[in-house]
Amino acid sequence: MSVTILGQNIRLIRPEKIKKQIILKKDLPVAKYNKRPKTICKGKVTAVCVMLKNGGIRSICKGLHIDVLSIFDISPELVKKVGWELEDGNYVWK
């Protein structure tokens, strides 16, 4: 259908049908994980430890890290790292 206005042909423009989008597998988002290698330590845990900012280490045989803080009356702001002592004498810090 065309309409003339002062001798000019003007078509009515209709929007075309929108094609269905096809999403390829390569276009899908991919989750990225932290691929930092995990430290594997062999040994039995003998104590729960807390390292203080001044370099001191406090530990107890049974309990949680919060129990170490409450037994030794340590403020959480003074804690640098928490971890475990293994039976071979090594420490694993978190």
Protein backbone atom coordinates (compact mmCIF):
# COMPACT_ATOMS: atom_id res chain seq x y z
CA MET A 1 0.00 0.00 0.00
CA SER A 2 1.43 3.35 -0.91
CA VAL A 3 0.19 6.83 -0.30
CA THR A 4 1.23 9.85 -2.29
CA ILE A 5 1.75 13.21 -0.69
CA LEU A 6 2.55 15.92 -3.15
CA GLY A 7 3.82 13.42 -5.66
CA GLN A 8 6.06 11.44 -3.24
CA ASN A 9 5.46 7.75 -2.59
CA ILE A 10 5.53 6.92 1.11
CA ARG A 11 5.29 3.36 2.28
CA LEU A 12 3.90 2.38 5.62
CA ILE A 13 6.70 0.60 7.42
CA ARG A 14 5.77 -2.32 9.56
CA PRO A 15 8.23 -3.94 11.92
CA GLU A 16 9.59 -7.23 10.69
CA LYS A 17 9.11 -10.38 12.66
CA ILE A 18 11.86 -10.77 15.17
CA LYS A 19 13.80 -13.94 14.62
CA LYS A 20 14.18 -16.24 17.59
CA GLN A 21 17.64 -15.84 19.05
CA ILE A 22 19.74 -18.96 19.08
CA ILE A 23 22.28 -19.03 21.89
CA LEU A 24 25.22 -21.24 21.15
CA LYS A 25 27.07 -23.11 23.88
CA LYS A 26 30.17 -20.97 23.34
CA ASP A 27 28.10 -17.83 24.05
CA LEU A 28 26.83 -19.03 27.45
CA PRO A 29 28.46 -17.57 30.55
CA VAL A 30 31.04 -19.77 32.20
CA ALA A 31 31.61 -19.90 35.95
CA LYS A 32 35.18 -19.19 36.98
CA TYR A 33 36.49 -20.84 40.09
CA ASN A 34 39.52 -20.09 42.20
CA LYS A 35 42.08 -22.54 40.86
CA ARG A 36 44.64 -21.90 43.58
CA PRO A 37 46.16 -25.23 44.56
CA LYS A 38 45.06 -26.61 47.90
CA THR A 39 47.65 -27.41 50.52
CA ILE A 40 47.55 -31.08 51.33
CA CYS A 41 48.91 -31.88 54.76
CA LYS A 42 49.25 -35.35 56.10
CA GLY A 43 49.12 -35.82 59.80
CA LYS A 44 46.88 -35.85 62.78
CA VAL A 45 45.74 -32.61 64.39
CA THR A 46 46.88 -32.34 68.00
CA ALA A 47 45.91 -28.76 68.87
CA VAL A 48 43.88 -25.76 67.77
CA CYS A 49 46.14 -22.71 67.46
CA VAL A 50 45.89 -18.93 67.21
CA MET A 51 48.79 -16.75 66.01
CA LEU A 52 48.88 -13.29 67.52
CA LYS A 53 50.06 -10.14 65.75
CA ASN A 54 53.12 -10.00 68.00
CA GLY A 55 54.17 -13.49 66.81
CA GLY A 56 52.99 -15.48 69.83
CA ILE A 57 51.12 -18.74 69.38
CA ARG A 58 48.44 -19.96 71.80
CA SER A 59 46.85 -23.39 71.51
CA ILE A 60 44.58 -25.86 73.26
CA CYS A 61 44.13 -29.60 72.68
CA LYS A 62 40.34 -29.71 72.40
CA GLY A 63 37.92 -27.03 71.36
CA LEU A 64 37.42 -24.29 68.83
CA HIS A 65 39.46 -21.23 67.93
CA ILE A 66 37.02 -19.06 69.87
CA ASP A 67 37.69 -21.23 72.93
CA VAL A 68 41.41 -20.40 72.66
CA LEU A 69 40.52 -16.71 72.73
CA SER A 70 38.24 -17.06 75.73
CA ILE A 71 40.63 -19.27 77.78
CA PHE A 72 43.64 -16.99 77.28
CA ASP A 73 41.47 -13.81 77.38
CA ILE A 74 42.68 -12.58 73.97
CA SER A 75 40.93 -9.85 72.01
CA PRO A 76 39.93 -10.88 68.45
CA GLU A 77 41.68 -7.75 67.09
CA LEU A 78 45.03 -9.17 68.21
CA VAL A 79 44.66 -12.37 66.13
CA LYS A 80 46.74 -12.61 62.95
CA LYS A 81 45.97 -16.20 61.86
CA VAL A 82 44.12 -19.27 63.06
CA GLY A 83 45.22 -22.80 62.39
CA TRP A 84 46.09 -26.25 63.67
CA GLU A 85 49.18 -27.98 65.02
CA LEU A 86 49.92 -31.40 63.54
CA GLU A 87 51.45 -34.34 65.39
CA ASP A 88 54.78 -33.87 63.56
CA GLY A 89 55.10 -30.34 65.02
CA ASN A 90 54.16 -28.43 61.86
CA TYR A 91 51.43 -25.81 61.76
CA VAL A 92 48.71 -25.39 59.15
CA TRP A 93 47.43 -21.80 59.02
CA LYS A 94 44.16 -20.65 57.54
